[in-house]
């Protein structure tokens, strides 16, 4: 899958491809010129109320994941997810985030949704590939 997640504090690698910051808040301790990103997509981050409720509490992860997936299915996050999927189809996409817990971050949920989106598109025939009815 051409989507990976990476903390903003990890070294940038040549295999990172397009790097998109997916946090709503700028990462602590980093100056803008120090962070190598293609784009800051703050609007795709969880809502302020969901982020404040979650506080990266591992016990809340299943509910956070479910609620954030719902937010990602609604506008404007749905359209931003489509933009990320289009970018991933071009080549490697790295979702950059600041949280310590790499497995229970908003970037992990976005990567999961993108994987589903890319996989479902891969299985569907294109318009020109469809066979006419017999």
N, C-alpha and C. Protein backbone atom coordinates (compact mmCIF):
# COMPACT_ATOMS: atom_id res chain seq x y z
N UNK A 1 0.85 -1.19 0.00
CA UNK A 1 0.00 0.00 0.00
C UNK A 1 0.89 1.24 0.00
N UNK A 2 0.59 2.20 -0.84
CA UNK A 2 1.45 3.40 -0.93
C UNK A 2 1.14 4.45 0.14
N UNK A 3 0.68 4.02 1.34
CA UNK A 3 0.40 4.96 2.42
C UNK A 3 1.13 4.47 3.67
N UNK A 4 1.85 5.40 4.30
CA UNK A 4 2.48 5.07 5.57
C UNK A 4 2.28 6.23 6.53
N UNK A 5 2.48 5.96 7.81
CA UNK A 5 2.38 7.00 8.83
C UNK A 5 3.75 7.18 9.46
N UNK A 6 4.01 8.41 9.91
CA UNK A 6 5.32 8.71 10.49
C UNK A 6 5.19 9.90 11.44
N UNK A 7 5.85 9.81 12.57
CA UNK A 7 5.84 10.93 13.51
C UNK A 7 6.66 12.09 12.93
N UNK A 8 6.26 13.30 13.24
CA UNK A 8 6.97 14.48 12.74
C UNK A 8 8.40 14.53 13.27
N UNK A 9 8.65 13.87 14.39
CA UNK A 9 9.96 13.90 15.02
C UNK A 9 10.91 12.84 14.46
N UNK A 10 10.39 11.95 13.61
CA UNK A 10 11.23 10.92 12.96
C UNK A 10 11.96 11.55 11.78
N UNK A 11 13.13 10.99 11.45
CA UNK A 11 13.87 11.55 10.31
C UNK A 11 13.11 11.39 8.99
N UNK A 12 13.27 12.37 8.12
CA UNK A 12 12.68 12.33 6.79
C UNK A 12 13.52 11.39 5.94
N UNK A 13 12.86 10.54 5.17
CA UNK A 13 13.58 9.62 4.30
C UNK A 13 13.22 9.82 2.85
N UNK A 14 14.09 9.40 1.94
CA UNK A 14 13.80 9.57 0.51
C UNK A 14 12.59 8.75 0.06
N UNK A 15 12.24 7.72 0.82
CA UNK A 15 11.10 6.87 0.46
C UNK A 15 9.77 7.43 0.97
N UNK A 16 9.80 8.59 1.64
CA UNK A 16 8.58 9.17 2.20
C UNK A 16 7.60 9.68 1.14
N UNK A 17 8.09 10.08 0.01
CA UNK A 17 7.20 10.60 -1.03
C UNK A 17 6.53 11.89 -0.59
N UNK A 18 5.24 12.00 -0.86
CA UNK A 18 4.46 13.18 -0.48
C UNK A 18 4.18 13.10 1.02
N UNK A 19 4.59 14.12 1.76
CA UNK A 19 4.42 14.15 3.22
C UNK A 19 3.33 15.17 3.58
N UNK A 20 2.25 14.68 4.23
CA UNK A 20 1.13 15.54 4.58
C UNK A 20 0.93 15.49 6.09
N UNK A 21 0.99 16.66 6.72
CA UNK A 21 0.71 16.77 8.15
C UNK A 21 -0.80 16.72 8.33
N UNK A 22 -1.28 15.78 9.14
CA UNK A 22 -2.72 15.57 9.29
C UNK A 22 -3.23 15.93 10.70
N UNK A 23 -2.47 16.70 11.43
CA UNK A 23 -2.88 17.17 12.76
C UNK A 23 -3.54 18.54 12.65
N UNK A 24 -4.46 18.81 13.55
CA UNK A 24 -5.12 20.10 13.59
C UNK A 24 -4.27 21.17 14.24
N UNK A 25 -3.35 20.75 15.09
CA UNK A 25 -2.46 21.68 15.79
C UNK A 25 -1.03 21.47 15.31
N UNK A 26 -0.27 22.55 15.27
CA UNK A 26 1.13 22.45 14.87
C UNK A 26 1.89 21.67 15.95
N UNK A 27 2.78 20.75 15.55
CA UNK A 27 3.53 19.95 16.53
C UNK A 27 4.40 20.79 17.44
N UNK A 28 4.40 20.43 18.70
CA UNK A 28 5.18 21.16 19.71
C UNK A 28 6.66 21.12 19.41
N UNK A 29 7.29 22.26 19.63
CA UNK A 29 8.74 22.34 19.55
C UNK A 29 9.33 22.38 18.15
N UNK A 30 8.50 22.43 17.13
CA UNK A 30 9.01 22.45 15.76
C UNK A 30 8.69 23.77 15.08
N UNK A 31 9.70 24.33 14.45
CA UNK A 31 9.48 25.53 13.65
C UNK A 31 8.99 25.10 12.28
N UNK A 32 8.21 25.95 11.65
CA UNK A 32 7.64 25.60 10.35
C UNK A 32 8.70 25.25 9.32
N UNK A 33 9.82 25.98 9.34
CA UNK A 33 10.86 25.69 8.35
C UNK A 33 11.61 24.39 8.65
N UNK A 34 11.46 23.85 9.87
CA UNK A 34 12.15 22.62 10.24
C UNK A 34 11.38 21.36 9.82
N UNK A 35 10.10 21.52 9.57
CA UNK A 35 9.27 20.37 9.22
C UNK A 35 9.15 20.25 7.71
N UNK A 36 9.60 19.13 7.19
CA UNK A 36 9.56 18.89 5.75
C UNK A 36 8.22 18.23 5.42
N UNK A 37 7.30 19.04 4.87
CA UNK A 37 6.00 18.53 4.46
C UNK A 37 5.62 19.14 3.12
N UNK A 38 4.78 18.43 2.41
CA UNK A 38 4.24 18.92 1.14
C UNK A 38 3.04 19.81 1.41
N UNK A 39 2.29 19.43 2.44
CA UNK A 39 1.05 20.14 2.74
C UNK A 39 0.65 19.92 4.20
N UNK A 40 0.00 20.90 4.78
CA UNK A 40 -0.60 20.76 6.10
C UNK A 40 -2.10 20.71 5.88
N UNK A 41 -2.71 19.55 6.10
CA UNK A 41 -4.13 19.34 5.88
C UNK A 41 -4.83 19.31 7.25
N UNK A 42 -4.86 20.45 7.92
CA UNK A 42 -5.39 20.52 9.28
C UNK A 42 -6.88 20.24 9.35
N UNK A 43 -7.60 20.47 8.26
CA UNK A 43 -9.05 20.29 8.26
C UNK A 43 -9.47 18.82 8.34
N UNK A 44 -8.54 17.90 8.05
CA UNK A 44 -8.88 16.47 8.11
C UNK A 44 -8.71 15.91 9.51
N UNK A 45 -8.10 16.67 10.39
CA UNK A 45 -7.87 16.23 11.77
C UNK A 45 -9.21 16.04 12.49
N UNK A 46 -9.21 15.27 13.58
CA UNK A 46 -10.45 15.12 14.35
C UNK A 46 -10.96 16.48 14.83
N UNK A 47 -12.26 16.57 15.03
CA UNK A 47 -12.83 17.80 15.56
C UNK A 47 -12.19 18.12 16.91
N UNK A 48 -12.21 19.39 17.27
CA UNK A 48 -11.61 19.82 18.54
C UNK A 48 -12.27 19.10 19.72
N UNK A 49 -13.58 18.92 19.65
CA UNK A 49 -14.26 18.25 20.76
C UNK A 49 -13.87 16.77 20.87
N UNK A 50 -13.72 16.09 19.73
CA UNK A 50 -13.32 14.68 19.75
C UNK A 50 -11.87 14.55 20.24
N UNK A 51 -11.00 15.42 19.76
CA UNK A 51 -9.60 15.40 20.19
C UNK A 51 -9.49 15.65 21.69
N UNK A 52 -10.24 16.64 22.19
CA UNK A 52 -10.20 16.97 23.62
C UNK A 52 -10.74 15.82 24.47
N UNK A 53 -11.77 15.14 23.98
CA UNK A 53 -12.34 14.01 24.71
C UNK A 53 -11.35 12.85 24.74
N UNK A 54 -10.73 12.55 23.61
CA UNK A 54 -9.85 11.38 23.48
C UNK A 54 -8.59 11.50 24.33
N UNK A 55 -7.89 12.59 24.23
CA UNK A 55 -6.65 12.84 24.97
C UNK A 55 -5.66 11.67 24.88
N UNK A 56 -5.71 10.93 23.80
CA UNK A 56 -4.82 9.79 23.55
C UNK A 56 -4.85 8.76 24.67
N UNK A 57 -6.02 8.58 25.26
CA UNK A 57 -6.23 7.56 26.28
C UNK A 57 -6.47 6.23 25.57
N UNK A 58 -5.56 5.25 25.73
CA UNK A 58 -5.72 3.98 25.02
C UNK A 58 -7.06 3.28 25.29
N UNK A 59 -7.64 3.51 26.46
CA UNK A 59 -8.93 2.88 26.78
C UNK A 59 -10.05 3.45 25.90
N UNK A 60 -9.87 4.67 25.45
CA UNK A 60 -10.89 5.32 24.63
C UNK A 60 -10.69 5.06 23.13
N UNK A 61 -9.62 4.38 22.76
CA UNK A 61 -9.28 4.17 21.35
C UNK A 61 -10.42 3.59 20.52
N UNK A 62 -11.07 2.48 20.94
CA UNK A 62 -12.12 1.93 20.07
C UNK A 62 -13.25 2.92 19.77
N UNK A 63 -13.66 3.70 20.78
CA UNK A 63 -14.73 4.68 20.57
C UNK A 63 -14.21 5.84 19.73
N UNK A 64 -12.98 6.30 20.01
CA UNK A 64 -12.39 7.39 19.21
C UNK A 64 -12.32 6.97 17.74
N UNK A 65 -11.81 5.77 17.50
CA UNK A 65 -11.66 5.27 16.13
C UNK A 65 -13.02 5.27 15.41
N UNK A 66 -14.03 4.78 16.08
CA UNK A 66 -15.38 4.72 15.48
C UNK A 66 -15.90 6.13 15.18
N UNK A 67 -15.78 7.04 16.15
CA UNK A 67 -16.29 8.41 15.97
C UNK A 67 -15.49 9.16 14.91
N UNK A 68 -14.18 8.94 14.86
CA UNK A 68 -13.36 9.64 13.87
C UNK A 68 -13.63 9.10 12.47
N UNK A 69 -13.84 7.81 12.35
CA UNK A 69 -14.20 7.25 11.04
C UNK A 69 -15.51 7.88 10.55
N UNK A 70 -16.44 8.12 11.47
CA UNK A 70 -17.69 8.78 11.10
C UNK A 70 -17.42 10.21 10.63
N UNK A 71 -16.55 10.94 11.34
CA UNK A 71 -16.19 12.29 10.90
C UNK A 71 -15.54 12.27 9.52
N UNK A 72 -14.72 11.26 9.26
CA UNK A 72 -14.04 11.17 7.96
C UNK A 72 -15.03 10.86 6.82
N UNK A 73 -16.19 10.35 7.16
CA UNK A 73 -17.18 10.04 6.11
C UNK A 73 -18.07 11.24 5.79
N UNK A 74 -17.87 12.34 6.51
CA UNK A 74 -18.69 13.53 6.30
C UNK A 74 -17.85 14.67 5.74
N UNK A 75 -18.55 15.58 5.07
CA UNK A 75 -17.89 16.75 4.50
C UNK A 75 -17.41 17.67 5.62
N UNK A 76 -16.27 18.30 5.50
CA UNK A 76 -15.33 18.38 4.39
C UNK A 76 -14.26 17.30 4.42
N UNK A 77 -14.21 16.51 5.50
CA UNK A 77 -13.15 15.49 5.63
C UNK A 77 -13.24 14.43 4.53
N UNK A 78 -14.45 14.10 4.11
CA UNK A 78 -14.63 13.10 3.05
C UNK A 78 -13.90 13.53 1.77
N UNK A 79 -14.03 14.79 1.41
CA UNK A 79 -13.38 15.29 0.19
C UNK A 79 -11.85 15.33 0.36
N UNK A 80 -11.40 15.67 1.55
CA UNK A 80 -9.96 15.68 1.81
C UNK A 80 -9.38 14.27 1.76
N UNK A 81 -10.16 13.30 2.22
CA UNK A 81 -9.74 11.90 2.14
C UNK A 81 -9.60 11.47 0.68
N UNK A 82 -10.52 11.96 -0.16
CA UNK A 82 -10.43 11.66 -1.60
C UNK A 82 -9.16 12.26 -2.20
N UNK A 83 -8.80 13.47 -1.76
CA UNK A 83 -7.56 14.10 -2.24
C UNK A 83 -6.35 13.27 -1.83
N UNK A 84 -6.35 12.77 -0.60
CA UNK A 84 -5.23 11.94 -0.14
C UNK A 84 -5.17 10.63 -0.92
N UNK A 85 -6.32 10.05 -1.21
CA UNK A 85 -6.34 8.81 -2.00
C UNK A 85 -5.77 9.05 -3.39
N UNK A 86 -6.13 10.16 -4.00
CA UNK A 86 -5.59 10.50 -5.33
C UNK A 86 -4.08 10.67 -5.26
N UNK A 87 -3.59 11.28 -4.20
CA UNK A 87 -2.14 11.46 -4.03
C UNK A 87 -1.45 10.10 -3.85
N UNK A 88 -2.09 9.20 -3.10
CA UNK A 88 -1.52 7.87 -2.88
C UNK A 88 -1.47 7.05 -4.17
N UNK A 89 -2.41 7.30 -5.07
CA UNK A 89 -2.39 6.58 -6.36
C UNK A 89 -1.22 7.01 -7.23
N UNK A 90 -0.69 8.21 -6.97
CA UNK A 90 0.46 8.71 -7.75
C UNK A 90 1.78 8.13 -7.26
N UNK A 91 1.84 7.78 -5.97
CA UNK A 91 3.09 7.29 -5.38
C UNK A 91 2.98 7.27 -3.87
N UNK A 92 4.09 7.07 -3.22
CA UNK A 92 4.09 6.96 -1.76
C UNK A 92 3.53 8.22 -1.09
N UNK A 93 2.66 8.00 -0.11
CA UNK A 93 2.07 9.07 0.68
C UNK A 93 2.41 8.80 2.14
N UNK A 94 2.99 9.78 2.81
CA UNK A 94 3.31 9.65 4.22
C UNK A 94 2.45 10.62 5.01
N UNK A 95 1.64 10.07 5.91
CA UNK A 95 0.81 10.87 6.79
C UNK A 95 1.64 11.19 8.02
N UNK A 96 1.89 12.46 8.24
CA UNK A 96 2.77 12.91 9.32
C UNK A 96 1.91 13.43 10.47
N UNK A 97 2.30 13.06 11.70
CA UNK A 97 1.52 13.43 12.88
C UNK A 97 2.45 13.60 14.08
N UNK A 98 1.94 14.20 15.16
CA UNK A 98 2.77 14.49 16.31
C UNK A 98 2.58 13.56 17.50
N UNK A 99 1.52 12.78 17.56
CA UNK A 99 1.23 11.94 18.72
C UNK A 99 2.33 10.91 18.99
N UNK A 100 2.50 10.58 20.26
CA UNK A 100 3.50 9.57 20.64
C UNK A 100 3.07 8.16 20.26
N UNK A 101 1.78 7.88 20.41
CA UNK A 101 1.24 6.54 20.16
C UNK A 101 0.96 6.39 18.67
N UNK A 102 1.86 5.71 17.98
CA UNK A 102 1.74 5.60 16.53
C UNK A 102 0.59 4.69 16.10
N UNK A 103 0.22 3.74 16.94
CA UNK A 103 -0.85 2.80 16.57
C UNK A 103 -2.24 3.35 16.84
N UNK A 104 -2.34 4.33 17.75
CA UNK A 104 -3.64 4.87 18.11
C UNK A 104 -3.69 6.38 17.86
N UNK A 105 -3.34 6.76 16.65
CA UNK A 105 -3.33 8.18 16.27
C UNK A 105 -4.39 8.42 15.20
N UNK A 106 -4.73 9.68 14.98
CA UNK A 106 -5.66 9.99 13.90
C UNK A 106 -5.07 9.59 12.55
N UNK A 107 -3.75 9.66 12.41
CA UNK A 107 -3.10 9.25 11.15
C UNK A 107 -3.32 7.76 10.88
N UNK A 108 -3.34 6.95 11.93
CA UNK A 108 -3.58 5.51 11.76
C UNK A 108 -4.99 5.27 11.23
N UNK A 109 -5.95 6.04 11.71
CA UNK A 109 -7.33 5.90 11.23
C UNK A 109 -7.44 6.36 9.78
N UNK A 110 -6.78 7.46 9.46
CA UNK A 110 -6.79 7.94 8.07
C UNK A 110 -6.16 6.91 7.14
N UNK A 111 -5.03 6.35 7.55
CA UNK A 111 -4.35 5.33 6.74
C UNK A 111 -5.24 4.11 6.53
N UNK A 112 -5.95 3.73 7.57
CA UNK A 112 -6.88 2.60 7.48
C UNK A 112 -7.98 2.89 6.46
N UNK A 113 -8.58 4.08 6.56
CA UNK A 113 -9.64 4.46 5.62
C UNK A 113 -9.10 4.54 4.18
N UNK A 114 -7.89 5.09 4.04
CA UNK A 114 -7.29 5.18 2.70
C UNK A 114 -7.04 3.78 2.14
N UNK A 115 -6.57 2.87 2.97
CA UNK A 115 -6.35 1.50 2.52
C UNK A 115 -7.63 0.87 1.99
N UNK A 116 -8.72 1.07 2.71
CA UNK A 116 -10.02 0.55 2.28
C UNK A 116 -10.45 1.19 0.97
N UNK A 117 -10.27 2.51 0.87
CA UNK A 117 -10.66 3.26 -0.32
C UNK A 117 -9.85 2.80 -1.55
N UNK A 118 -8.56 2.66 -1.36
CA UNK A 118 -7.70 2.27 -2.48
C UNK A 118 -7.96 0.82 -2.89
N UNK A 119 -8.22 -0.03 -1.91
CA UNK A 119 -8.48 -1.43 -2.22
C UNK A 119 -9.81 -1.60 -2.94
N UNK A 120 -10.84 -0.85 -2.51
CA UNK A 120 -12.14 -0.96 -3.17
C UNK A 120 -12.09 -0.44 -4.60
N UNK A 121 -11.32 0.61 -4.83
CA UNK A 121 -11.15 1.14 -6.20
C UNK A 121 -10.39 0.16 -7.07
N UNK A 122 -9.41 -0.53 -6.50
CA UNK A 122 -8.60 -1.46 -7.28
C UNK A 122 -9.42 -2.64 -7.77
N UNK A 123 -10.45 -3.03 -6.99
CA UNK A 123 -11.26 -4.17 -7.36
C UNK A 123 -12.36 -3.85 -8.36
N UNK A 124 -12.69 -2.58 -8.53
CA UNK A 124 -13.77 -2.19 -9.43
C UNK A 124 -13.24 -1.97 -10.85
N UNK A 125 -13.98 -2.46 -11.84
CA UNK A 125 -13.55 -2.19 -13.22
C UNK A 125 -13.79 -0.72 -13.58
N UNK A 126 -12.97 -0.21 -14.46
CA UNK A 126 -13.14 1.16 -14.95
C UNK A 126 -14.28 1.17 -15.96
N UNK A 127 -14.80 2.36 -16.22
CA UNK A 127 -15.93 2.47 -17.14
C UNK A 127 -15.64 1.82 -18.49
N UNK A 128 -14.50 2.07 -19.03
CA UNK A 128 -14.15 1.52 -20.34
C UNK A 128 -13.87 0.02 -20.31
N UNK A 129 -13.64 -0.52 -19.10
CA UNK A 129 -13.31 -1.94 -18.97
C UNK A 129 -14.56 -2.83 -18.84
N UNK A 130 -15.71 -2.22 -18.62
CA UNK A 130 -16.93 -3.01 -18.42
C UNK A 130 -17.36 -3.65 -19.72
N UNK A 131 -17.83 -4.88 -19.59
CA UNK A 131 -18.34 -5.58 -20.78
C UNK A 131 -19.80 -5.18 -20.98
N UNK A 132 -20.20 -4.99 -22.21
CA UNK A 132 -21.61 -4.66 -22.47
C UNK A 132 -22.49 -5.86 -22.12
N UNK A 133 -23.74 -5.58 -21.71
CA UNK A 133 -24.65 -6.70 -21.39
C UNK A 133 -24.90 -7.55 -22.61
N UNK A 134 -25.08 -8.85 -22.37
CA UNK A 134 -25.28 -9.80 -23.48
C UNK A 134 -26.68 -9.80 -23.98
